[in-house]
Amino acid sequence: MSEQNLVSVETQSEYSVTTGRRETRIFVKMYVDAAISGLIADMGADRWQTLCVLASFMDANGDCYPSQEHIAKRLGVSRQTAGKRISSLLSYRWRGRPLVHATKGREGGSQRFDNMRYTVLPVSQLAIFSGEAEAMSSAPDTARSVHGST
């Protein structure tokens, strides 16, 4: 079996010669291996969708700082439902390992909590910019991919 990514996040930069504006678009790219390996089936639709939404916020280190309101809006659900989905994703394990880790930050030196920081871990198969997804065994001859814009 070959080692291939199941999902990646990539960027595409465009420069308009007529307006002089540069635009960067971010894509979540799902390889057929994500389905063949059983990752998507095992995660279920809600966790998969939540992971993809979190990925739309992440930086090159896999860190993202969206509020539950922002996540809820992108999921098309209430803030309470988004909170439940995030909790489910945080407790989910793929082959015994978490896909996402959450850390509550504190504002300055105060006792007040700042936004939650979510870190999309390399085992999730999501990487952006120069970040690396962790290699995972998968079925051979599945080089096709499906792009979904986020």
N, C-alpha and C. Protein backbone atom coordinates (compact mmCIF):
# COMPACT_ATOMS: atom_id res chain seq x y z
N MET A 1 0.83 -1.18 0.00
CA MET A 1 0.00 0.00 0.00
C MET A 1 0.88 1.25 0.00
N SER A 2 0.48 2.24 -0.77
CA SER A 2 1.24 3.48 -0.82
C SER A 2 0.78 4.44 0.27
N GLU A 3 1.66 5.38 0.63
CA GLU A 3 1.33 6.41 1.60
C GLU A 3 0.84 7.63 0.83
N GLN A 4 -0.41 8.06 1.06
CA GLN A 4 -0.95 9.22 0.37
C GLN A 4 -1.78 10.05 1.34
N ASN A 5 -1.87 11.35 1.06
CA ASN A 5 -2.76 12.21 1.83
C ASN A 5 -4.20 11.86 1.47
N LEU A 6 -5.08 12.02 2.43
CA LEU A 6 -6.50 11.81 2.18
C LEU A 6 -7.20 13.12 1.90
N VAL A 7 -6.74 14.18 2.55
CA VAL A 7 -7.35 15.50 2.41
C VAL A 7 -6.23 16.52 2.52
N SER A 8 -6.29 17.59 1.76
CA SER A 8 -5.33 18.68 1.92
C SER A 8 -6.07 19.99 1.73
N VAL A 9 -5.44 21.05 2.16
CA VAL A 9 -5.97 22.39 1.96
C VAL A 9 -4.94 23.11 1.10
N GLU A 10 -5.39 23.73 0.03
CA GLU A 10 -4.44 24.43 -0.82
C GLU A 10 -4.96 25.82 -1.13
N THR A 11 -4.04 26.68 -1.51
CA THR A 11 -4.41 28.05 -1.86
C THR A 11 -4.11 28.29 -3.33
N GLN A 12 -4.84 29.21 -3.87
CA GLN A 12 -4.64 29.62 -5.25
C GLN A 12 -4.67 31.14 -5.27
N SER A 13 -3.62 31.75 -5.77
CA SER A 13 -3.57 33.22 -5.86
C SER A 13 -3.86 33.64 -7.28
N GLU A 14 -4.67 34.67 -7.40
CA GLU A 14 -5.00 35.21 -8.71
C GLU A 14 -4.70 36.70 -8.70
N TYR A 15 -4.16 37.20 -9.80
CA TYR A 15 -3.89 38.62 -9.95
C TYR A 15 -4.67 39.11 -11.16
N SER A 16 -5.50 40.13 -10.96
CA SER A 16 -6.28 40.69 -12.05
C SER A 16 -5.47 41.80 -12.71
N VAL A 17 -5.18 41.64 -13.99
CA VAL A 17 -4.43 42.67 -14.70
C VAL A 17 -5.30 43.90 -14.97
N THR A 18 -6.61 43.76 -14.95
CA THR A 18 -7.48 44.90 -15.20
C THR A 18 -7.70 45.75 -13.95
N THR A 19 -7.77 45.13 -12.78
CA THR A 19 -8.01 45.90 -11.55
C THR A 19 -6.76 46.05 -10.69
N GLY A 20 -5.76 45.19 -10.90
CA GLY A 20 -4.56 45.24 -10.09
C GLY A 20 -4.72 44.59 -8.72
N ARG A 21 -5.84 43.93 -8.52
CA ARG A 21 -6.09 43.30 -7.22
C ARG A 21 -5.62 41.86 -7.24
N ARG A 22 -5.12 41.44 -6.08
CA ARG A 22 -4.69 40.06 -5.90
C ARG A 22 -5.72 39.40 -4.96
N GLU A 23 -6.12 38.20 -5.30
CA GLU A 23 -7.08 37.47 -4.48
C GLU A 23 -6.54 36.07 -4.23
N THR A 24 -6.63 35.63 -2.98
CA THR A 24 -6.21 34.28 -2.63
C THR A 24 -7.45 33.48 -2.26
N ARG A 25 -7.58 32.34 -2.84
CA ARG A 25 -8.70 31.45 -2.54
C ARG A 25 -8.15 30.21 -1.85
N ILE A 26 -8.93 29.67 -0.92
CA ILE A 26 -8.52 28.48 -0.17
C ILE A 26 -9.48 27.35 -0.54
N PHE A 27 -8.90 26.18 -0.83
CA PHE A 27 -9.68 25.01 -1.20
C PHE A 27 -9.37 23.86 -0.26
N VAL A 28 -10.40 23.12 0.11
CA VAL A 28 -10.19 21.84 0.80
C VAL A 28 -10.26 20.79 -0.29
N LYS A 29 -9.20 20.00 -0.43
CA LYS A 29 -9.14 18.98 -1.47
C LYS A 29 -9.25 17.62 -0.80
N MET A 30 -10.27 16.88 -1.17
CA MET A 30 -10.49 15.56 -0.61
C MET A 30 -10.09 14.52 -1.65
N TYR A 31 -9.19 13.66 -1.27
CA TYR A 31 -8.79 12.57 -2.14
C TYR A 31 -9.77 11.41 -1.95
N VAL A 32 -9.96 10.62 -2.98
CA VAL A 32 -10.84 9.47 -2.92
C VAL A 32 -10.43 8.54 -1.77
N ASP A 33 -9.13 8.53 -1.45
CA ASP A 33 -8.63 7.69 -0.35
C ASP A 33 -9.30 8.01 0.98
N ALA A 34 -9.76 9.24 1.17
CA ALA A 34 -10.43 9.59 2.42
C ALA A 34 -11.70 8.74 2.59
N ALA A 35 -12.37 8.46 1.50
CA ALA A 35 -13.56 7.61 1.55
C ALA A 35 -13.16 6.13 1.59
N ILE A 36 -12.20 5.75 0.76
CA ILE A 36 -11.79 4.35 0.69
C ILE A 36 -11.21 3.86 2.02
N SER A 37 -10.44 4.71 2.69
CA SER A 37 -9.81 4.33 3.96
C SER A 37 -10.81 4.18 5.09
N GLY A 38 -12.01 4.74 4.89
CA GLY A 38 -13.03 4.67 5.93
C GLY A 38 -13.07 5.89 6.83
N LEU A 39 -12.19 6.86 6.61
CA LEU A 39 -12.15 8.06 7.45
C LEU A 39 -13.50 8.78 7.47
N ILE A 40 -14.05 9.07 6.31
CA ILE A 40 -15.29 9.83 6.24
C ILE A 40 -16.45 9.06 6.85
N ALA A 41 -16.56 7.79 6.53
CA ALA A 41 -17.64 6.97 7.09
C ALA A 41 -17.53 6.88 8.60
N ASP A 42 -16.32 6.70 9.10
CA ASP A 42 -16.10 6.58 10.53
C ASP A 42 -16.41 7.90 11.25
N MET A 43 -16.03 9.01 10.67
CA MET A 43 -16.26 10.32 11.28
C MET A 43 -17.74 10.68 11.31
N GLY A 44 -18.44 10.37 10.26
CA GLY A 44 -19.83 10.79 10.13
C GLY A 44 -19.90 12.19 9.52
N ALA A 45 -21.05 12.51 8.99
CA ALA A 45 -21.24 13.76 8.25
C ALA A 45 -21.02 15.00 9.10
N ASP A 46 -21.55 15.03 10.32
CA ASP A 46 -21.42 16.23 11.15
C ASP A 46 -19.98 16.53 11.53
N ARG A 47 -19.23 15.52 11.95
CA ARG A 47 -17.84 15.76 12.33
C ARG A 47 -17.00 16.12 11.10
N TRP A 48 -17.25 15.45 9.98
CA TRP A 48 -16.51 15.75 8.74
C TRP A 48 -16.74 17.20 8.33
N GLN A 49 -18.01 17.61 8.33
CA GLN A 49 -18.35 18.98 7.93
C GLN A 49 -17.72 19.98 8.90
N THR A 50 -17.75 19.69 10.18
CA THR A 50 -17.17 20.59 11.18
C THR A 50 -15.65 20.68 10.99
N LEU A 51 -14.99 19.57 10.73
CA LEU A 51 -13.55 19.58 10.48
C LEU A 51 -13.22 20.44 9.25
N CYS A 52 -13.99 20.31 8.19
CA CYS A 52 -13.75 21.11 6.99
C CYS A 52 -13.96 22.59 7.25
N VAL A 53 -14.97 22.94 8.05
CA VAL A 53 -15.19 24.35 8.39
C VAL A 53 -14.03 24.87 9.23
N LEU A 54 -13.58 24.12 10.22
CA LEU A 54 -12.41 24.55 11.01
C LEU A 54 -11.21 24.76 10.11
N ALA A 55 -11.01 23.87 9.14
CA ALA A 55 -9.87 23.98 8.23
C ALA A 55 -9.91 25.28 7.44
N SER A 56 -11.10 25.81 7.19
CA SER A 56 -11.20 27.06 6.43
C SER A 56 -10.66 28.25 7.22
N PHE A 57 -10.45 28.10 8.51
CA PHE A 57 -9.91 29.17 9.36
C PHE A 57 -8.42 28.99 9.68
N MET A 58 -7.83 27.82 9.38
CA MET A 58 -6.52 27.52 9.94
C MET A 58 -5.36 28.20 9.23
N ASP A 59 -4.28 28.38 10.01
CA ASP A 59 -3.05 28.94 9.47
C ASP A 59 -2.09 27.80 9.12
N ALA A 60 -0.85 28.15 8.76
CA ALA A 60 0.12 27.14 8.32
C ALA A 60 0.47 26.14 9.41
N ASN A 61 0.27 26.50 10.67
CA ASN A 61 0.56 25.59 11.79
C ASN A 61 -0.63 24.71 12.15
N GLY A 62 -1.75 24.92 11.48
CA GLY A 62 -2.96 24.16 11.80
C GLY A 62 -3.79 24.84 12.86
N ASP A 63 -3.37 26.02 13.34
CA ASP A 63 -4.11 26.74 14.39
C ASP A 63 -5.20 27.60 13.77
N CYS A 64 -6.33 27.68 14.48
CA CYS A 64 -7.41 28.55 14.05
C CYS A 64 -8.13 29.07 15.28
N TYR A 65 -8.71 30.25 15.16
CA TYR A 65 -9.29 30.96 16.30
C TYR A 65 -10.72 31.42 16.05
N PRO A 66 -11.54 30.66 15.36
CA PRO A 66 -12.91 31.14 15.09
C PRO A 66 -13.77 31.07 16.35
N SER A 67 -14.70 31.98 16.46
CA SER A 67 -15.67 31.90 17.55
C SER A 67 -16.71 30.83 17.19
N GLN A 68 -17.45 30.37 18.19
CA GLN A 68 -18.52 29.41 17.89
C GLN A 68 -19.56 30.05 16.98
N GLU A 69 -19.75 31.35 17.08
CA GLU A 69 -20.70 32.03 16.21
C GLU A 69 -20.25 31.96 14.74
N HIS A 70 -18.94 32.16 14.52
CA HIS A 70 -18.42 32.06 13.14
C HIS A 70 -18.55 30.63 12.61
N ILE A 71 -18.24 29.67 13.44
CA ILE A 71 -18.35 28.27 13.04
C ILE A 71 -19.81 27.93 12.73
N ALA A 72 -20.71 28.37 13.61
CA ALA A 72 -22.14 28.11 13.42
C ALA A 72 -22.64 28.69 12.10
N LYS A 73 -22.20 29.91 11.80
CA LYS A 73 -22.64 30.56 10.56
C LYS A 73 -22.18 29.76 9.34
N ARG A 74 -20.92 29.31 9.35
CA ARG A 74 -20.41 28.55 8.20
C ARG A 74 -21.04 27.16 8.11
N LEU A 75 -21.46 26.61 9.25
CA LEU A 75 -22.13 25.31 9.24
C LEU A 75 -23.62 25.43 8.93
N GLY A 76 -24.18 26.64 9.11
CA GLY A 76 -25.61 26.83 8.91
C GLY A 76 -26.44 26.26 10.05
N VAL A 77 -25.88 26.31 11.28
CA VAL A 77 -26.56 25.78 12.46
C VAL A 77 -26.54 26.83 13.57
N SER A 78 -27.23 26.54 14.66
CA SER A 78 -27.21 27.45 15.81
C SER A 78 -25.86 27.37 16.52
N ARG A 79 -25.55 28.36 17.35
CA ARG A 79 -24.31 28.36 18.11
C ARG A 79 -24.26 27.16 19.04
N GLN A 80 -25.40 26.79 19.63
CA GLN A 80 -25.45 25.64 20.52
C GLN A 80 -25.14 24.34 19.77
N THR A 81 -25.70 24.20 18.58
CA THR A 81 -25.42 23.01 17.77
C THR A 81 -23.96 22.98 17.34
N ALA A 82 -23.41 24.14 16.99
CA ALA A 82 -21.99 24.20 16.63
C ALA A 82 -21.14 23.76 17.82
N GLY A 83 -21.49 24.20 19.02
CA GLY A 83 -20.75 23.79 20.22
C GLY A 83 -20.78 22.28 20.41
N LYS A 84 -21.93 21.67 20.18
CA LYS A 84 -22.04 20.21 20.31
C LYS A 84 -21.20 19.50 19.26
N ARG A 85 -21.22 20.02 18.04
CA ARG A 85 -20.43 19.42 16.96
C ARG A 85 -18.94 19.54 17.23
N ILE A 86 -18.52 20.68 17.74
CA ILE A 86 -17.11 20.88 18.07
C ILE A 86 -16.69 19.91 19.17
N SER A 87 -17.52 19.78 20.20
CA SER A 87 -17.21 18.83 21.29
C SER A 87 -17.09 17.41 20.76
N SER A 88 -17.98 17.04 19.86
CA SER A 88 -17.94 15.70 19.26
C SER A 88 -16.66 15.51 18.46
N LEU A 89 -16.27 16.52 17.70
CA LEU A 89 -15.04 16.44 16.90
C LEU A 89 -13.81 16.35 17.81
N LEU A 90 -13.81 17.11 18.90
CA LEU A 90 -12.67 17.10 19.82
C LEU A 90 -12.51 15.75 20.51
N SER A 91 -13.61 15.05 20.74
CA SER A 91 -13.52 13.74 21.41
C SER A 91 -13.31 12.59 20.42
N TYR A 92 -13.48 12.85 19.13
CA TYR A 92 -13.33 11.82 18.10
C TYR A 92 -11.87 11.39 17.96
N ARG A 93 -11.65 10.12 17.71
CA ARG A 93 -10.33 9.56 17.47
C ARG A 93 -10.34 8.76 16.17
N TRP A 94 -9.37 9.00 15.31
CA TRP A 94 -9.17 8.22 14.09
C TRP A 94 -7.95 7.35 14.34
N ARG A 95 -8.18 6.06 14.33
CA ARG A 95 -7.12 5.09 14.61
C ARG A 95 -6.43 5.40 15.94
N GLY A 96 -7.27 5.79 16.92
CA GLY A 96 -6.78 6.02 18.27
C GLY A 96 -6.17 7.39 18.52
N ARG A 97 -6.20 8.27 17.52
CA ARG A 97 -5.57 9.58 17.68
C ARG A 97 -6.55 10.71 17.40
N PRO A 98 -6.45 11.81 18.16
CA PRO A 98 -7.35 12.96 17.91
C PRO A 98 -6.99 13.66 16.61
N LEU A 99 -7.99 14.28 16.00
CA LEU A 99 -7.77 15.06 14.79
C LEU A 99 -7.60 16.54 15.10
N VAL A 100 -8.24 16.97 16.19
CA VAL A 100 -8.25 18.38 16.57
C VAL A 100 -8.02 18.48 18.07
N HIS A 101 -7.26 19.50 18.46
CA HIS A 101 -6.99 19.78 19.87
C HIS A 101 -7.47 21.21 20.14
N ALA A 102 -8.03 21.47 21.30
CA ALA A 102 -8.49 22.82 21.66
C ALA A 102 -7.76 23.30 22.91
N THR A 103 -7.43 24.59 22.91
CA THR A 103 -6.77 25.22 24.04
C THR A 103 -7.46 26.54 24.33
N LYS A 104 -7.88 26.74 25.58
CA LYS A 104 -8.45 28.02 25.96
C LYS A 104 -7.31 28.97 26.30
N GLY A 105 -7.29 30.11 25.63
CA GLY A 105 -6.26 31.11 25.89
C GLY A 105 -6.76 32.11 26.90
N ARG A 106 -5.84 32.71 27.61
CA ARG A 106 -6.18 33.78 28.55
C ARG A 106 -5.73 35.11 27.96
N GLU A 107 -6.51 36.13 28.19
CA GLU A 107 -6.22 37.46 27.69
C GLU A 107 -5.14 38.10 28.55
N GLY A 108 -4.01 38.45 27.93
CA GLY A 108 -2.92 39.08 28.69
C GLY A 108 -2.56 38.25 29.89
N GLY A 109 -2.49 38.85 31.05
CA GLY A 109 -2.23 38.12 32.29
C GLY A 109 -3.47 37.98 33.12
N SER A 110 -4.64 38.28 32.54
CA SER A 110 -5.89 38.28 33.30
C SER A 110 -6.48 36.88 33.44
N GLN A 111 -7.54 36.79 34.18
CA GLN A 111 -8.27 35.54 34.34
C GLN A 111 -9.33 35.36 33.25
N ARG A 112 -9.55 36.39 32.42
CA ARG A 112 -10.56 36.35 31.37
C ARG A 112 -10.09 35.49 30.20
N PHE A 113 -10.96 34.56 29.77
CA PHE A 113 -10.63 33.70 28.64
C PHE A 113 -10.80 34.45 27.33
N ASP A 114 -9.87 34.24 26.43
CA ASP A 114 -9.92 34.77 25.08
C ASP A 114 -10.56 33.68 24.21
N ASN A 115 -10.58 33.86 22.89
CA ASN A 115 -11.12 32.83 22.01
C ASN A 115 -10.40 31.50 22.19
N MET A 116 -11.12 30.45 21.93
CA MET A 116 -10.56 29.11 21.93
C MET A 116 -9.62 28.98 20.73
N ARG A 117 -8.49 28.32 20.92
CA ARG A 117 -7.60 28.02 19.81
C ARG A 117 -7.77 26.54 19.48
N TYR A 118 -8.12 26.27 18.25
CA TYR A 118 -8.23 24.90 17.77
C TYR A 118 -7.00 24.61 16.93
N THR A 119 -6.41 23.44 17.11
CA THR A 119 -5.27 23.03 16.30
C THR A 119 -5.68 21.77 15.54
N VAL A 120 -5.70 21.88 14.23
CA VAL A 120 -6.01 20.74 13.37
C VAL A 120 -4.70 19.97 13.23
N LEU A 121 -4.67 18.77 13.79
CA LEU A 121 -3.45 17.98 13.87
C LEU A 121 -3.13 17.29 12.54
N PRO A 122 -1.84 17.02 12.27
CA PRO A 122 -1.46 16.41 10.98
C PRO A 122 -2.16 15.09 10.67
N VAL A 123 -2.54 14.31 11.68
CA VAL A 123 -3.22 13.04 11.42
C VAL A 123 -4.58 13.25 10.75
N SER A 124 -5.14 14.47 10.87
CA SER A 124 -6.43 14.76 10.24
C SER A 124 -6.33 14.77 8.72
N GLN A 125 -5.10 14.83 8.20
CA GLN A 125 -4.84 14.90 6.77
C GLN A 125 -5.14 16.26 6.18
N LEU A 126 -5.34 17.28 7.02
CA LEU A 126 -5.56 18.63 6.52
C LEU A 126 -4.29 19.44 6.77
N ALA A 127 -3.75 20.05 5.73
CA ALA A 127 -2.58 20.90 5.85
C ALA A 127 -2.78 22.09 4.94
N ILE A 128 -2.19 23.21 5.30
CA ILE A 128 -2.36 24.43 4.50
C ILE A 128 -1.01 25.10 4.32
N PHE A 129 -0.86 25.86 3.27
CA PHE A 129 0.36 26.57 2.94
C PHE A 129 1.53 25.59 2.94
N SER A 130 2.53 25.77 3.81
CA SER A 130 3.67 24.86 3.82
C SER A 130 3.53 23.79 4.89
N GLY A 131 2.37 23.72 5.56
CA GLY A 131 2.16 22.71 6.59
C GLY A 131 2.16 21.32 6.00
N GLU A 132 2.40 20.34 6.83
CA GLU A 132 2.49 18.97 6.37
C GLU A 132 1.38 18.12 6.97
N ALA A 133 0.72 17.36 6.15
CA ALA A 133 -0.22 16.34 6.63
C ALA A 133 0.59 15.08 6.89
N GLU A 134 0.19 14.32 7.86
CA GLU A 134 0.89 13.09 8.19
C GLU A 134 0.54 12.02 7.18
N ALA A 135 1.53 11.27 6.72
CA ALA A 135 1.29 10.20 5.76
C ALA A 135 0.41 9.13 6.39
N MET A 136 -0.47 8.54 5.58
CA MET A 136 -1.38 7.52 6.08
C MET A 136 -1.50 6.43 5.03
N SER A 137 -1.51 5.18 5.44
CA SER A 137 -1.67 4.08 4.50
C SER A 137 -3.04 4.14 3.88
N SER A 138 -3.09 3.88 2.60
CA SER A 138 -4.36 3.90 1.88
C SER A 138 -4.27 2.96 0.69
N ALA A 139 -5.40 2.77 0.04
CA ALA A 139 -5.44 1.88 -1.12
C ALA A 139 -4.72 2.50 -2.30
N PRO A 140 -4.03 1.72 -3.12
CA PRO A 140 -3.32 2.24 -4.29
C PRO A 140 -4.27 2.61 -5.42
N ASP A 141 -3.72 3.30 -6.42
CA ASP A 141 -4.44 3.65 -7.64
C ASP A 141 -5.67 4.50 -7.38
N THR A 142 -5.56 5.47 -6.51
CA THR A 142 -6.69 6.37 -6.24
C THR A 142 -6.19 7.80 -6.30
N ALA A 143 -5.64 8.19 -7.42
CA ALA A 143 -5.04 9.52 -7.54
C ALA A 143 -6.06 10.61 -7.83
N ARG A 144 -7.28 10.24 -8.16
CA ARG A 144 -8.29 11.27 -8.45
C ARG A 144 -8.59 12.05 -7.19
N SER A 145 -9.04 13.29 -7.35
CA SER A 145 -9.43 14.09 -6.20
C SER A 145 -10.67 14.89 -6.53
N VAL A 146 -11.35 15.34 -5.51
CA VAL A 146 -12.53 16.14 -5.65
C VAL A 146 -12.25 17.44 -4.90
N HIS A 147 -12.46 18.57 -5.54
CA HIS A 147 -12.21 19.86 -4.91
C HIS A 147 -13.52 20.40 -4.37
N GLY A 148 -13.47 20.99 -3.17
CA GLY A 148 -14.61 21.70 -2.60
C GLY A 148 -14.11 23.03 -2.09
N SER A 149 -14.67 24.12 -2.56
CA SER A 149 -14.20 25.44 -2.13
C SER A 149 -14.77 25.78 -0.77
N THR A 150 -13.95 26.40 0.08
CA THR A 150 -14.41 26.89 1.38
C THR A 150 -14.14 28.35 1.49
